[in-house]
C-alpha atoms as a PDB file:
ATOM      1  CA  UNK A   1      52.780 111.757 -74.208  1.00  0.00           C
ATOM      2  CA  UNK A   2      53.336 110.654 -70.161  1.00  0.00           C
ATOM      3  CA  UNK A   3      53.139 107.251 -68.627  1.00  0.00           C
ATOM      4  CA  UNK A   4      50.299 106.433 -65.809  1.00  0.00           C
ATOM      5  CA  UNK A   5      51.559 107.455 -62.179  1.00  0.00           C
ATOM      6  CA  UNK A   6      50.437 106.501 -59.216  1.00  0.00           C
ATOM      7  CA  UNK A   7      52.527 109.429 -57.706  1.00  0.00           C
ATOM      8  CA  UNK A   8      51.868 112.124 -59.834  1.00  0.00           C
ATOM      9  CA  UNK A   9      53.019 114.806 -57.070  1.00  0.00           C
ATOM     10  CA  UNK A  10      56.178 112.672 -56.092  1.00  0.00           C
ATOM     11  CA  UNK A  11      55.271 112.385 -52.298  1.00  0.00           C
ATOM     12  CA  UNK A  12      57.239 110.534 -50.038  1.00  0.00           C
ATOM     13  CA  UNK A  13      56.004 106.841 -49.025  1.00  0.00           C
ATOM     14  CA  UNK A  14      53.740 106.945 -46.195  1.00  0.00           C
ATOM     15  CA  UNK A  15      55.878 105.862 -42.709  1.00  0.00           C
ATOM     16  CA  UNK A  16      55.034 101.913 -41.427  1.00  0.00           C
ATOM     17  CA  UNK A  17      52.649 102.826 -38.594  1.00  0.00           C
ATOM     18  CA  UNK A  18      51.800 100.124 -35.462  1.00  0.00           C
ATOM     19  CA  UNK A  19      54.530  99.014 -33.835  1.00  0.00           C
ATOM     20  CA  UNK A  20      56.726 101.410 -34.611  1.00  0.00           C
ATOM     21  CA  UNK A  21      54.903 104.188 -32.771  1.00  0.00           C
ATOM     22  CA  UNK A  22      53.796 102.950 -29.633  1.00  0.00           C
ATOM     23  CA  UNK A  23      56.808 102.334 -28.099  1.00  0.00           C
ATOM     24  CA  UNK A  24      57.069 106.030 -28.574  1.00  0.00           C
ATOM     25  CA  UNK A  25      53.513 106.927 -27.431  1.00  0.00           C
ATOM     26  CA  UNK A  26      54.664 105.135 -24.120  1.00  0.00           C
ATOM     27  CA  UNK A  27      57.737 106.545 -23.404  1.00  0.00           C
ATOM     28  CA  UNK A  28      56.205 109.544 -23.708  1.00  0.00           C
ATOM     29  CA  UNK A  29      53.053 108.869 -21.445  1.00  0.00           C
ATOM     30  CA  UNK A  30      55.578 107.702 -18.721  1.00  0.00           C
ATOM     31  CA  UNK A  31      57.541 111.061 -18.972  1.00  0.00           C
ATOM     32  CA  UNK A  32      54.667 113.171 -19.098  1.00  0.00           C
ATOM     33  CA  UNK A  33      53.409 111.148 -15.693  1.00  0.00           C
ATOM     34  CA  UNK A  34      56.994 111.810 -14.037  1.00  0.00           C
ATOM     35  CA  UNK A  35      56.847 115.540 -14.870  1.00  0.00           C
ATOM     36  CA  UNK A  36      53.760 115.776 -13.453  1.00  0.00           C
ATOM     37  CA  UNK A  37      53.944 114.054 -10.493  1.00  0.00           C
ATOM     38  CA  UNK A  38      57.267 116.427  -9.772  1.00  0.00           C
ATOM     39  CA  UNK A  39      55.424 119.518  -9.870  1.00  0.00           C
ATOM     40  CA  UNK A  40      52.847 118.146  -7.317  1.00  0.00           C
ATOM     41  CA  UNK A  41      55.736 117.174  -5.141  1.00  0.00           C
ATOM     42  CA  UNK A  42      57.185 120.770  -5.722  1.00  0.00           C
ATOM     43  CA  UNK A  43      53.949 122.287  -4.993  1.00  0.00           C
ATOM     44  CA  UNK A  44      53.391 120.256  -1.854  1.00  0.00           C
ATOM     45  CA  UNK A  45      57.222 120.720  -0.669  1.00  0.00           C
ATOM     46  CA  UNK A  46      56.523 124.351  -1.394  1.00  0.00           C
ATOM     47  CA  UNK A  47      53.203 124.380   0.876  1.00  0.00           C
ATOM     48  CA  UNK A  48      54.969 122.908   3.510  1.00  0.00           C
ATOM     49  CA  UNK A  49      57.635 125.352   3.632  1.00  0.00           C
ATOM     50  CA  UNK A  50      55.800 128.617   3.270  1.00  0.00           C
ATOM     51  CA  UNK A  51      52.599 127.765   5.773  1.00  0.00           C
END
């Protein structure tokens, strides 16, 4: 009948993890920190202007 198959549902192979995902996470963290600093800076600037 059917031969033995390790992947009967034909899922794609898993992507290799580790070194490839780390720089992307680091870059995302840096962008997030820059956005937070920008919002904090705008908050202080608007407070200085309107008070």
